[in-house]
PDB file of N, CA and C in Angstrom:
ATOM      1  N   MET A   1      -0.975  27.242  -2.906  1.00  0.00           N
ATOM      2  CA  MET A   1      -1.397  26.532  -1.734  1.00  0.00           C
ATOM      3  C   MET A   1      -0.673  25.182  -1.682  1.00  0.00           C
ATOM      4  N   ASP A   2      -0.195  24.801  -0.510  1.00  0.00           N
ATOM      5  CA  ASP A   2       0.448  23.513  -0.310  1.00  0.00           C
ATOM      6  C   ASP A   2      -0.598  22.483   0.101  1.00  0.00           C
ATOM      7  N   ALA A   3      -0.596  21.354  -0.577  1.00  0.00           N
ATOM      8  CA  ALA A   3      -1.525  20.272  -0.239  1.00  0.00           C
ATOM      9  C   ALA A   3      -0.897  18.950  -0.646  1.00  0.00           C
ATOM     10  N   ILE A   4      -0.965  17.985   0.248  1.00  0.00           N
ATOM     11  CA  ILE A   4      -0.454  16.649  -0.047  1.00  0.00           C
ATOM     12  C   ILE A   4      -1.620  15.677   0.087  1.00  0.00           C
ATOM     13  N   CYS A   5      -1.925  14.993  -0.989  1.00  0.00           N
ATOM     14  CA  CYS A   5      -2.967  13.971  -0.987  1.00  0.00           C
ATOM     15  C   CYS A   5      -2.281  12.614  -0.863  1.00  0.00           C
ATOM     16  N   LEU A   6      -2.610  11.881   0.182  1.00  0.00           N
ATOM     17  CA  LEU A   6      -2.022  10.568   0.396  1.00  0.00           C
ATOM     18  C   LEU A   6      -2.998   9.480  -0.024  1.00  0.00           C
ATOM     19  N   ARG A   7      -2.523   8.566  -0.806  1.00  0.00           N
ATOM     20  CA  ARG A   7      -3.327   7.407  -1.234  1.00  0.00           C
ATOM     21  C   ARG A   7      -2.798   6.210  -0.462  1.00  0.00           C
ATOM     22  N   ILE A   8      -3.466   5.880   0.626  1.00  0.00           N
ATOM     23  CA  ILE A   8      -3.053   4.771   1.480  1.00  0.00           C
ATOM     24  C   ILE A   8      -3.829   3.534   1.046  1.00  0.00           C
ATOM     25  N   LEU A   9      -3.097   2.490   0.708  1.00  0.00           N
ATOM     26  CA  LEU A   9      -3.746   1.311   0.154  1.00  0.00           C
ATOM     27  C   LEU A   9      -4.257   0.361   1.233  1.00  0.00           C
ATOM     28  N   SER A  10      -3.424  -0.077   2.161  1.00  0.00           N
ATOM     29  CA  SER A  10      -3.832  -1.017   3.216  1.00  0.00           C
ATOM     30  C   SER A  10      -2.997  -0.734   4.454  1.00  0.00           C
ATOM     31  N   CYS A  11      -3.590  -0.192   5.479  1.00  0.00           N
ATOM     32  CA  CYS A  11      -2.842   0.119   6.702  1.00  0.00           C
ATOM     33  C   CYS A  11      -3.449  -0.649   7.874  1.00  0.00           C
ATOM     34  N   PHE A  12      -2.751  -1.695   8.285  1.00  0.00           N
ATOM     35  CA  PHE A  12      -3.163  -2.558   9.388  1.00  0.00           C
ATOM     36  C   PHE A  12      -1.905  -2.960  10.157  1.00  0.00           C
ATOM     37  N   PRO A  13      -2.048  -3.486  11.361  1.00  0.00           N
ATOM     38  CA  PRO A  13      -0.861  -3.935  12.093  1.00  0.00           C
ATOM     39  C   PRO A  13      -0.036  -4.964  11.305  1.00  0.00           C
ATOM     40  N   GLN A  14      -0.725  -5.794  10.519  1.00  0.00           N
ATOM     41  CA  GLN A  14      -0.035  -6.717   9.616  1.00  0.00           C
ATOM     42  C   GLN A  14      -0.953  -6.980   8.427  1.00  0.00           C
ATOM     43  N   PRO A  15      -0.396  -7.404   7.288  1.00  0.00           N
ATOM     44  CA  PRO A  15      -1.247  -7.679   6.126  1.00  0.00           C
ATOM     45  C   PRO A  15      -2.267  -8.765   6.451  1.00  0.00           C
ATOM     46  N   LEU A  16      -3.472  -8.619   5.908  1.00  0.00           N
ATOM     47  CA  LEU A  16      -4.553  -9.555   6.200  1.00  0.00           C
ATOM     48  C   LEU A  16      -4.745 -10.616   5.125  1.00  0.00           C
ATOM     49  N   ASN A  17      -4.195 -10.385   3.926  1.00  0.00           N
ATOM     50  CA  ASN A  17      -4.346 -11.337   2.822  1.00  0.00           C
ATOM     51  C   ASN A  17      -3.156 -11.194   1.873  1.00  0.00           C
ATOM     52  N   VAL A  18      -3.084 -12.061   0.872  1.00  0.00           N
ATOM     53  CA  VAL A  18      -1.921 -12.050  -0.030  1.00  0.00           C
ATOM     54  C   VAL A  18      -1.859 -10.771  -0.864  1.00  0.00           C
ATOM     55  N   ARG A  19      -2.989 -10.157  -1.155  1.00  0.00           N
ATOM     56  CA  ARG A  19      -2.976  -8.895  -1.902  1.00  0.00           C
ATOM     57  C   ARG A  19      -2.198  -7.827  -1.139  1.00  0.00           C
ATOM     58  N   MET A  20      -2.359  -7.825   0.164  1.00  0.00           N
ATOM     59  CA  MET A  20      -1.695  -6.810   0.985  1.00  0.00           C
ATOM     60  C   MET A  20      -0.181  -6.997   1.070  1.00  0.00           C
ATOM     61  N   LEU A  21       0.334  -8.099   0.550  1.00  0.00           N
ATOM     62  CA  LEU A  21       1.789  -8.246   0.479  1.00  0.00           C
ATOM     63  C   LEU A  21       2.381  -7.181  -0.446  1.00  0.00           C
ATOM     64  N   SER A  22       1.555  -6.622  -1.318  1.00  0.00           N
ATOM     65  CA  SER A  22       1.983  -5.555  -2.223  1.00  0.00           C
ATOM     66  C   SER A  22       1.510  -4.177  -1.786  1.00  0.00           C
ATOM     67  N   THR A  23       0.411  -4.110  -1.049  1.00  0.00           N
ATOM     68  CA  THR A  23      -0.227  -2.816  -0.785  1.00  0.00           C
ATOM     69  C   THR A  23      -0.102  -2.325   0.649  1.00  0.00           C
ATOM     70  N   TRP A  24       0.514  -3.114   1.519  1.00  0.00           N
ATOM     71  CA  TRP A  24       0.533  -2.844   2.959  1.00  0.00           C
ATOM     72  C   TRP A  24       1.358  -1.621   3.338  1.00  0.00           C
ATOM     73  N   LEU A  25       0.831  -0.837   4.262  1.00  0.00           N
ATOM     74  CA  LEU A  25       1.538   0.254   4.923  1.00  0.00           C
ATOM     75  C   LEU A  25       1.506  -0.053   6.409  1.00  0.00           C
ATOM     76  N   SER A  26       2.669  -0.303   6.996  1.00  0.00           N
ATOM     77  CA  SER A  26       2.704  -0.603   8.425  1.00  0.00           C
ATOM     78  C   SER A  26       2.339   0.645   9.223  1.00  0.00           C
ATOM     79  N   PRO A  27       1.816   0.477  10.423  1.00  0.00           N
ATOM     80  CA  PRO A  27       1.531   1.651  11.254  1.00  0.00           C
ATOM     81  C   PRO A  27       2.796   2.499  11.508  1.00  0.00           C
ATOM     82  N   ASP A  28       3.950   1.862  11.709  1.00  0.00           N
ATOM     83  CA  ASP A  28       5.179   2.631  11.920  1.00  0.00           C
ATOM     84  C   ASP A  28       5.564   3.431  10.673  1.00  0.00           C
ATOM     85  N   ASP A  29       5.435   2.798   9.501  1.00  0.00           N
ATOM     86  CA  ASP A  29       5.725   3.537   8.266  1.00  0.00           C
ATOM     87  C   ASP A  29       4.689   4.638   8.037  1.00  0.00           C
ATOM     88  N   ALA A  30       3.446   4.419   8.440  1.00  0.00           N
ATOM     89  CA  ALA A  30       2.433   5.478   8.332  1.00  0.00           C
ATOM     90  C   ALA A  30       2.876   6.686   9.145  1.00  0.00           C
ATOM     91  N   GLY A  31       3.369   6.455  10.340  1.00  0.00           N
ATOM     92  CA  GLY A  31       3.883   7.551  11.162  1.00  0.00           C
ATOM     93  C   GLY A  31       5.031   8.274  10.482  1.00  0.00           C
ATOM     94  N   ARG A  32       5.941   7.495   9.872  1.00  0.00           N
ATOM     95  CA  ARG A  32       7.067   8.115   9.153  1.00  0.00           C
ATOM     96  C   ARG A  32       6.568   8.940   7.965  1.00  0.00           C
ATOM     97  N   LEU A  33       5.559   8.421   7.269  1.00  0.00           N
ATOM     98  CA  LEU A  33       5.001   9.137   6.123  1.00  0.00           C
ATOM     99  C   LEU A  33       4.342  10.442   6.558  1.00  0.00           C
ATOM    100  N   PHE A  34       3.526  10.387   7.604  1.00  0.00           N
ATOM    101  CA  PHE A  34       2.862  11.602   8.078  1.00  0.00           C
ATOM    102  C   PHE A  34       3.886  12.618   8.572  1.00  0.00           C
ATOM    103  N   GLU A  35       4.915  12.161   9.269  1.00  0.00           N
ATOM    104  CA  GLU A  35       5.982  13.073   9.720  1.00  0.00           C
ATOM    105  C   GLU A  35       6.650  13.754   8.536  1.00  0.00           C
ATOM    106  N   ALA A  36       6.956  12.979   7.499  1.00  0.00           N
ATOM    107  CA  ALA A  36       7.602  13.555   6.313  1.00  0.00           C
ATOM    108  C   ALA A  36       6.703  14.609   5.675  1.00  0.00           C
ATOM    109  N   CYS A  37       5.398  14.325   5.601  1.00  0.00           N
ATOM    110  CA  CYS A  37       4.465  15.292   5.011  1.00  0.00           C
ATOM    111  C   CYS A  37       4.401  16.577   5.838  1.00  0.00           C
ATOM    112  N   LEU A  38       4.348  16.423   7.147  1.00  0.00           N
ATOM    113  CA  LEU A  38       4.246  17.595   8.011  1.00  0.00           C
ATOM    114  C   LEU A  38       5.540  18.404   8.053  1.00  0.00           C
ATOM    115  N   ALA A  39       6.666  17.749   7.824  1.00  0.00           N
ATOM    116  CA  ALA A  39       7.961  18.435   7.873  1.00  0.00           C
ATOM    117  C   ALA A  39       8.372  19.026   6.524  1.00  0.00           C
ATOM    118  N   ALA A  40       7.688  18.622   5.460  1.00  0.00           N
ATOM    119  CA  ALA A  40       8.063  19.109   4.123  1.00  0.00           C
ATOM    120  C   ALA A  40       7.844  20.616   4.041  1.00  0.00           C
ATOM    121  N   GLU A  41       8.878  21.309   3.630  1.00  0.00           N
ATOM    122  CA  GLU A  41       8.782  22.757   3.498  1.00  0.00           C
ATOM    123  C   GLU A  41       8.325  23.110   2.089  1.00  0.00           C
ATOM    124  N   ARG A  42       7.180  23.762   1.997  1.00  0.00           N
ATOM    125  CA  ARG A  42       6.604  24.192   0.730  1.00  0.00           C
ATOM    126  C   ARG A  42       6.525  23.052  -0.294  1.00  0.00           C
ATOM    127  N   PRO A  43       5.724  22.036   0.027  1.00  0.00           N
ATOM    128  CA  PRO A  43       5.655  20.882  -0.877  1.00  0.00           C
ATOM    129  C   PRO A  43       4.881  21.137  -2.158  1.00  0.00           C
ATOM    130  N   GLY A  44       4.128  22.242  -2.211  1.00  0.00           N
ATOM    131  CA  GLY A  44       3.270  22.457  -3.364  1.00  0.00           C
ATOM    132  C   GLY A  44       2.111  21.478  -3.315  1.00  0.00           C
ATOM    133  N   PHE A  45       1.599  21.100  -4.494  1.00  0.00           N
ATOM    134  CA  PHE A  45       0.544  20.093  -4.547  1.00  0.00           C
ATOM    135  C   PHE A  45       1.164  18.774  -4.952  1.00  0.00           C
ATOM    136  N   ARG A  46       0.941  17.746  -4.152  1.00  0.00           N
ATOM    137  CA  ARG A  46       1.490  16.422  -4.442  1.00  0.00           C
ATOM    138  C   ARG A  46       0.444  15.358  -4.157  1.00  0.00           C
ATOM    139  N   VAL A  47       0.521  14.306  -4.938  1.00  0.00           N
ATOM    140  CA  VAL A  47      -0.243  13.090  -4.674  1.00  0.00           C
ATOM    141  C   VAL A  47       0.793  12.004  -4.448  1.00  0.00           C
ATOM    142  N   ALA A  48       0.774  11.406  -3.271  1.00  0.00           N
ATOM    143  CA  ALA A  48       1.765  10.397  -2.920  1.00  0.00           C
ATOM    144  C   ALA A  48       1.068   9.140  -2.423  1.00  0.00           C
ATOM    145  N   PHE A  49       1.641   7.998  -2.772  1.00  0.00           N
ATOM    146  CA  PHE A  49       1.123   6.727  -2.300  1.00  0.00           C
ATOM    147  C   PHE A  49       1.764   6.371  -0.976  1.00  0.00           C
ATOM    148  N   GLY A  50       0.966   5.791  -0.087  1.00  0.00           N
ATOM    149  CA  GLY A  50       1.455   5.351   1.208  1.00  0.00           C
ATOM    150  C   GLY A  50       1.500   3.837   1.271  1.00  0.00           C
ATOM    151  N   VAL A  51       2.670   3.281   1.041  1.00  0.00           N
ATOM    152  CA  VAL A  51       2.918   1.849   1.208  1.00  0.00           C
ATOM    153  C   VAL A  51       4.278   1.692   1.867  1.00  0.00           C
ATOM    154  N   SER A  52       4.497   0.546   2.453  1.00  0.00           N
ATOM    155  CA  SER A  52       5.804   0.241   3.023  1.00  0.00           C
ATOM    156  C   SER A  52       6.750  -0.207   1.904  1.00  0.00           C
ATOM    157  N   ALA A  53       7.964  -0.557   2.262  1.00  0.00           N
ATOM    158  CA  ALA A  53       8.976  -0.998   1.285  1.00  0.00           C
ATOM    159  C   ALA A  53       8.765  -2.487   1.005  1.00  0.00           C
ATOM    160  N   ASN A  54       7.639  -2.821   0.426  1.00  0.00           N
ATOM    161  CA  ASN A  54       7.248  -4.211   0.227  1.00  0.00           C
ATOM    162  C   ASN A  54       8.007  -4.854  -0.921  1.00  0.00           C
ATOM    163  N   THR A  55       8.561  -6.033  -0.652  1.00  0.00           N
ATOM    164  CA  THR A  55       9.269  -6.794  -1.676  1.00  0.00           C
ATOM    165  C   THR A  55       8.372  -7.025  -2.881  1.00  0.00           C
ATOM    166  N   ARG A  56       7.113  -7.299  -2.636  1.00  0.00           N
ATOM    167  CA  ARG A  56       6.160  -7.565  -3.721  1.00  0.00           C
ATOM    168  C   ARG A  56       5.457  -6.286  -4.164  1.00  0.00           C
ATOM    169  N   GLY A  57       6.085  -5.179  -3.988  1.00  0.00           N
ATOM    170  CA  GLY A  57       5.515  -3.895  -4.388  1.00  0.00           C
ATOM    171  C   GLY A  57       5.502  -3.753  -5.894  1.00  0.00           C
ATOM    172  N   GLY A  58       5.588  -2.552  -6.358  1.00  0.00           N
ATOM    173  CA  GLY A  58       5.577  -2.308  -7.788  1.00  0.00           C
ATOM    174  C   GLY A  58       4.227  -1.858  -8.308  1.00  0.00           C
ATOM    175  N   TRP A  59       3.211  -1.910  -7.462  1.00  0.00           N
ATOM    176  CA  TRP A  59       1.894  -1.457  -7.891  1.00  0.00           C
ATOM    177  C   TRP A  59       1.877   0.053  -8.055  1.00  0.00           C
ATOM    178  N   VAL A  60       2.605   0.714  -7.185  1.00  0.00           N
ATOM    179  CA  VAL A  60       2.625   2.175  -7.184  1.00  0.00           C
ATOM    180  C   VAL A  60       4.060   2.652  -7.001  1.00  0.00           C
ATOM    181  N   SER A  61       4.285   3.896  -7.327  1.00  0.00           N
ATOM    182  CA  SER A  61       5.598   4.499  -7.162  1.00  0.00           C
ATOM    183  C   SER A  61       5.681   5.219  -5.820  1.00  0.00           C
ATOM    184  N   LEU A  62       6.797   5.067  -5.158  1.00  0.00           N
ATOM    185  CA  LEU A  62       7.045   5.799  -3.917  1.00  0.00           C
ATOM    186  C   LEU A  62       7.841   7.075  -4.170  1.00  0.00           C
ATOM    187  N   ASP A  63       8.058   7.435  -5.417  1.00  0.00           N
ATOM    188  CA  ASP A  63       8.883   8.604  -5.747  1.00  0.00           C
ATOM    189  C   ASP A  63       8.388   9.884  -5.084  1.00  0.00           C
ATOM    190  N   GLU A  64       7.084  10.155  -5.160  1.00  0.00           N
ATOM    191  CA  GLU A  64       6.553  11.394  -4.562  1.00  0.00           C
ATOM    192  C   GLU A  64       6.706  11.387  -3.043  1.00  0.00           C
ATOM    193  N   ALA A  65       6.419  10.252  -2.412  1.00  0.00           N
ATOM    194  CA  ALA A  65       6.556  10.164  -0.956  1.00  0.00           C
ATOM    195  C   ALA A  65       8.024  10.317  -0.551  1.00  0.00           C
ATOM    196  N   ARG A  66       8.916   9.699  -1.304  1.00  0.00           N
ATOM    197  CA  ARG A  66      10.348   9.821  -0.997  1.00  0.00           C
ATOM    198  C   ARG A  66      10.838  11.254  -1.214  1.00  0.00           C
ATOM    199  N   ALA A  67      10.276  11.934  -2.196  1.00  0.00           N
ATOM    200  CA  ALA A  67      10.658  13.333  -2.439  1.00  0.00           C
ATOM    201  C   ALA A  67      10.272  14.220  -1.252  1.00  0.00           C
ATOM    202  N   LEU A  68       9.288  13.777  -0.484  1.00  0.00           N
ATOM    203  CA  LEU A  68       8.880  14.504   0.723  1.00  0.00           C
ATOM    204  C   LEU A  68       9.754  14.144   1.924  1.00  0.00           C
ATOM    205  N   GLY A  69      10.610  13.141   1.765  1.00  0.00           N
ATOM    206  CA  GLY A  69      11.479  12.707   2.852  1.00  0.00           C
ATOM    207  C   GLY A  69      11.070  11.396   3.499  1.00  0.00           C
ATOM    208  N   TYR A  70      10.068  10.723   2.959  1.00  0.00           N
ATOM    209  CA  TYR A  70       9.598   9.449   3.511  1.00  0.00           C
ATOM    210  C   TYR A  70      10.584   8.341   3.190  1.00  0.00           C
ATOM    211  N   GLN A  71      10.974   7.609   4.216  1.00  0.00           N
ATOM    212  CA  GLN A  71      11.847   6.453   4.053  1.00  0.00           C
ATOM    213  C   GLN A  71      11.200   5.255   4.743  1.00  0.00           C
ATOM    214  N   PRO A  72      10.476   4.411   3.995  1.00  0.00           N
ATOM    215  CA  PRO A  72       9.822   3.257   4.610  1.00  0.00           C
ATOM    216  C   PRO A  72      10.858   2.249   5.107  1.00  0.00           C
ATOM    217  N   GLU A  73      10.537   1.597   6.208  1.00  0.00           N
ATOM    218  CA  GLU A  73      11.458   0.619   6.797  1.00  0.00           C
ATOM    219  C   GLU A  73      10.883  -0.782   6.876  1.00  0.00           C
ATOM    220  N   ASP A  74       9.577  -0.924   6.772  1.00  0.00           N
ATOM    221  CA  ASP A  74       8.949  -2.231   6.952  1.00  0.00           C
ATOM    222  C   ASP A  74       8.632  -2.881   5.609  1.00  0.00           C
ATOM    223  N   ASP A  75       8.448  -4.207   5.645  1.00  0.00           N
ATOM    224  CA  ASP A  75       8.207  -4.984   4.435  1.00  0.00           C
ATOM    225  C   ASP A  75       7.199  -6.082   4.766  1.00  0.00           C
ATOM    226  N   ALA A  76       6.124  -6.156   4.018  1.00  0.00           N
ATOM    227  CA  ALA A  76       5.086  -7.165   4.238  1.00  0.00           C
ATOM    228  C   ALA A  76       5.598  -8.582   4.028  1.00  0.00           C
ATOM    229  N   GLU A  77       6.740  -8.718   3.396  1.00  0.00           N
ATOM    230  CA  GLU A  77       7.298 -10.047   3.125  1.00  0.00           C
ATOM    231  C   GLU A  77       7.532 -10.832   4.419  1.00  0.00           C
ATOM    232  N   ALA A  78       7.695 -10.140   5.522  1.00  0.00           N
ATOM    233  CA  ALA A  78       7.864 -10.808   6.817  1.00  0.00           C
ATOM    234  C   ALA A  78       6.642 -11.671   7.160  1.00  0.00           C
ATOM    235  N   PHE A  79       5.503 -11.391   6.546  1.00  0.00           N
ATOM    236  CA  PHE A  79       4.264 -12.123   6.810  1.00  0.00           C
ATOM    237  C   PHE A  79       3.880 -13.053   5.657  1.00  0.00           C
ATOM    238  N   ALA A  80       4.686 -13.104   4.601  1.00  0.00           N
ATOM    239  CA  ALA A  80       4.317 -13.822   3.377  1.00  0.00           C
ATOM    240  C   ALA A  80       4.100 -15.311   3.599  1.00  0.00           C
ATOM    241  N   ALA A  81       5.015 -15.978   4.260  1.00  0.00           N
ATOM    242  CA  ALA A  81       4.896 -17.435   4.427  1.00  0.00           C
ATOM    243  C   ALA A  81       3.594 -17.800   5.135  1.00  0.00           C
ATOM    244  N   GLU A  82       3.267 -17.084   6.190  1.00  0.00           N
ATOM    245  CA  GLU A  82       2.041 -17.342   6.947  1.00  0.00           C
ATOM    246  C   GLU A  82       0.796 -17.103   6.085  1.00  0.00           C
ATOM    247  N   LEU A  83       0.775 -16.002   5.341  1.00  0.00           N
ATOM    248  CA  LEU A  83      -0.394 -15.684   4.511  1.00  0.00           C
ATOM    249  C   LEU A  83      -0.550 -16.663   3.354  1.00  0.00           C
ATOM    250  N   ILE A  84       0.555 -17.041   2.739  1.00  0.00           N
ATOM    251  CA  ILE A  84       0.480 -17.972   1.607  1.00  0.00           C
ATOM    252  C   ILE A  84       0.068 -19.355   2.097  1.00  0.00           C
ATOM    253  N   ALA A  85       0.529 -19.760   3.278  1.00  0.00           N
ATOM    254  CA  ALA A  85       0.097 -21.042   3.843  1.00  0.00           C
ATOM    255  C   ALA A  85      -1.407 -21.045   4.097  1.00  0.00           C
ATOM    256  N   GLU A  86      -1.942 -19.911   4.505  1.00  0.00           N
ATOM    257  CA  GLU A  86      -3.370 -19.810   4.821  1.00  0.00           C
ATOM    258  C   GLU A  86      -4.240 -19.626   3.582  1.00  0.00           C
ATOM    259  N   HIS A  87      -3.784 -18.792   2.634  1.00  0.00           N
ATOM    260  CA  HIS A  87      -4.614 -18.404   1.484  1.00  0.00           C
ATOM    261  C   HIS A  87      -4.135 -18.963   0.145  1.00  0.00           C
ATOM    262  N   GLY A  88      -2.939 -19.539   0.093  1.00  0.00           N
ATOM    263  CA  GLY A  88      -2.371 -20.012  -1.168  1.00  0.00           C
ATOM    264  C   GLY A  88      -1.606 -18.922  -1.885  1.00  0.00           C
ATOM    265  N   GLU A  89      -0.855 -19.335  -2.898  1.00  0.00           N
ATOM    266  CA  GLU A  89      -0.089 -18.375  -3.711  1.00  0.00           C
ATOM    267  C   GLU A  89      -1.048 -17.443  -4.439  1.00  0.00           C
ATOM    268  N   PRO A  90      -0.681 -16.168  -4.557  1.00  0.00           N
ATOM    269  CA  PRO A  90      -1.537 -15.241  -5.307  1.00  0.00           C
ATOM    270  C   PRO A  90      -1.633 -15.646  -6.778  1.00  0.00           C
ATOM    271  N   ASP A  91      -2.826 -15.558  -7.339  1.00  0.00           N
ATOM    272  CA  ASP A  91      -3.066 -15.858  -8.750  1.00  0.00           C
ATOM    273  C   ASP A  91      -2.908 -14.562  -9.543  1.00  0.00           C
ATOM    274  N   PRO A  92      -1.876 -14.448 -10.391  1.00  0.00           N
ATOM    275  CA  PRO A  92      -1.661 -13.191 -11.131  1.00  0.00           C
ATOM    276  C   PRO A  92      -2.804 -12.822 -12.070  1.00  0.00           C
ATOM    277  N   ASP A  93      -3.678 -13.779 -12.405  1.00  0.00           N
ATOM    278  CA  ASP A  93      -4.819 -13.484 -13.273  1.00  0.00           C
ATOM    279  C   ASP A  93      -6.051 -13.023 -12.508  1.00  0.00           C
ATOM    280  N   ASP A  94      -5.996 -13.056 -11.193  1.00  0.00           N
ATOM    281  CA  ASP A  94      -7.123 -12.610 -10.368  1.00  0.00           C
ATOM    282  C   ASP A  94      -7.274 -11.096 -10.525  1.00  0.00           C
ATOM    283  N   PRO A  95      -8.433 -10.603 -10.994  1.00  0.00           N
ATOM    284  CA  PRO A  95      -8.600  -9.158 -11.199  1.00  0.00           C
ATOM    285  C   PRO A  95      -8.443  -8.352  -9.906  1.00  0.00           C
ATOM    286  N   VAL A  96      -8.729  -8.958  -8.762  1.00  0.00           N
ATOM    287  CA  VAL A  96      -8.557  -8.255  -7.488  1.00  0.00           C
ATOM    288  C   VAL A  96      -7.078  -7.966  -7.251  1.00  0.00           C
ATOM    289  N   LEU A  97      -6.207  -8.825  -7.756  1.00  0.00           N
ATOM    290  CA  LEU A  97      -4.765  -8.632  -7.598  1.00  0.00           C
ATOM    291  C   LEU A  97      -4.168  -7.786  -8.718  1.00  0.00           C
ATOM    292  N   ARG A  98      -4.844  -7.695  -9.843  1.00  0.00           N
ATOM    293  CA  ARG A  98      -4.309  -6.950 -10.985  1.00  0.00           C
ATOM    294  C   ARG A  98      -4.641  -5.471 -10.954  1.00  0.00           C
ATOM    295  N   ARG A  99      -5.696  -5.100 -10.238  1.00  0.00           N
ATOM    296  CA  ARG A  99      -6.158  -3.714 -10.265  1.00  0.00           C
ATOM    297  C   ARG A  99      -5.897  -3.028  -8.936  1.00  0.00           C
ATOM    298  N   LEU A 100      -5.479  -1.800  -9.009  1.00  0.00           N
ATOM    299  CA  LEU A 100      -5.143  -1.029  -7.821  1.00  0.00           C
ATOM    300  C   LEU A 100      -6.313  -0.944  -6.846  1.00  0.00           C
ATOM    301  N   GLY A 101      -7.528  -0.834  -7.332  1.00  0.00           N
ATOM    302  CA  GLY A 101      -8.698  -0.713  -6.472  1.00  0.00           C
ATOM    303  C   GLY A 101      -9.231  -2.030  -5.949  1.00  0.00           C
ATOM    304  N   GLY A 102      -8.563  -3.134  -6.281  1.00  0.00           N
ATOM    305  CA  GLY A 102      -8.962  -4.437  -5.779  1.00  0.00           C
ATOM    306  C   GLY A 102     -10.402  -4.774  -6.089  1.00  0.00           C
ATOM    307  N   GLU A 103     -11.101  -5.336  -5.100  1.00  0.00           N
ATOM    308  CA  GLU A 103     -12.470  -5.790  -5.333  1.00  0.00           C
ATOM    309  C   GLU A 103     -13.429  -4.640  -5.623  1.00  0.00           C
ATOM    310  N   PHE A 104     -13.040  -3.412  -5.317  1.00  0.00           N
ATOM    311  CA  PHE A 104     -13.903  -2.266  -5.589  1.00  0.00           C
ATOM    312  C   PHE A 104     -13.983  -1.951  -7.080  1.00  0.00           C
ATOM    313  N   THR A 105     -13.118  -2.572  -7.888  1.00  0.00           N
ATOM    314  CA  THR A 105     -13.147  -2.353  -9.333  1.00  0.00           C
ATOM    315  C   THR A 105     -13.951  -3.417 -10.068  1.00  0.00           C
ATOM    316  N   LEU A 106     -14.443  -4.413  -9.328  1.00  0.00           N
ATOM    317  CA  LEU A 106     -15.186  -5.501  -9.949  1.00  0.00           C
ATOM    318  C   LEU A 106     -16.623  -5.083 -10.246  1.00  0.00           C
ATOM    319  N   PRO A 107     -17.218  -5.666 -11.300  1.00  0.00           N
ATOM    320  CA  PRO A 107     -18.648  -5.448 -11.518  1.00  0.00           C
ATOM    321  C   PRO A 107     -19.423  -5.977 -10.317  1.00  0.00           C
ATOM    322  N   ASP A 108     -20.577  -5.414 -10.043  1.00  0.00           N
ATOM    323  CA  ASP A 108     -21.380  -5.783  -8.868  1.00  0.00           C
ATOM    324  C   ASP A 108     -21.608  -7.286  -8.739  1.00  0.00           C
ATOM    325  N   ASP A 109     -21.811  -7.975  -9.861  1.00  0.00           N
ATOM    326  CA  ASP A 109     -22.116  -9.408  -9.787  1.00  0.00           C
ATOM    327  C   ASP A 109     -20.882 -10.265  -9.509  1.00  0.00           C
ATOM    328  N   GLN A 110     -19.686  -9.646  -9.440  1.00  0.00           N
ATOM    329  CA  GLN A 110     -18.466 -10.413  -9.173  1.00  0.00           C
ATOM    330  C   GLN A 110     -17.847 -10.092  -7.816  1.00  0.00           C
ATOM    331  N   VAL A 111     -18.463  -9.187  -7.069  1.00  0.00           N
ATOM    332  CA  VAL A 111     -17.921  -8.822  -5.766  1.00  0.00           C
ATOM    333  C   VAL A 111     -18.132  -9.986  -4.801  1.00  0.00           C
ATOM    334  N   PRO A 112     -17.058 -10.429  -4.133  1.00  0.00           N
ATOM    335  CA  PRO A 112     -17.211 -11.552  -3.191  1.00  0.00           C
ATOM    336  C   PRO A 112     -18.169 -11.192  -2.061  1.00  0.00           C
ATOM    337  N   ARG A 113     -19.021 -12.127  -1.700  1.00  0.00           N
ATOM    338  CA  ARG A 113     -19.953 -11.939  -0.584  1.00  0.00           C
ATOM    339  C   ARG A 113     -19.239 -12.265   0.714  1.00  0.00           C
ATOM    340  N   ARG A 114     -19.464 -11.477   1.741  1.00  0.00           N
ATOM    341  CA  ARG A 114     -18.820 -11.717   3.029  1.00  0.00           C
ATOM    342  C   ARG A 114     -19.824 -12.120   4.070  1.00  0.00           C
TER     343      ARG A 114
END
């Protein structure tokens, strides 16, 4: 059976915070990713991450998505100056920035209140 599981990290018109400078998937790249998945002939079972070609990437590998024919064109870095001016430079010791699941990986007593 052919099945492709996509792990989409952050898909918005533009990144909303400094964390998304690494995890963002632009809507246009999402379309390219879905097209690649639908056009893949006999992909088998795959798990692929859905992110754009972000300069600050490296959290996940795009190898599986690229093997399906996905070629991302957008980069969250276009929004970096604005986000850093608003939120400050990302702190590499912040657990929300260190873990793939972000704030969802924090203990209940450390989850930011909104």
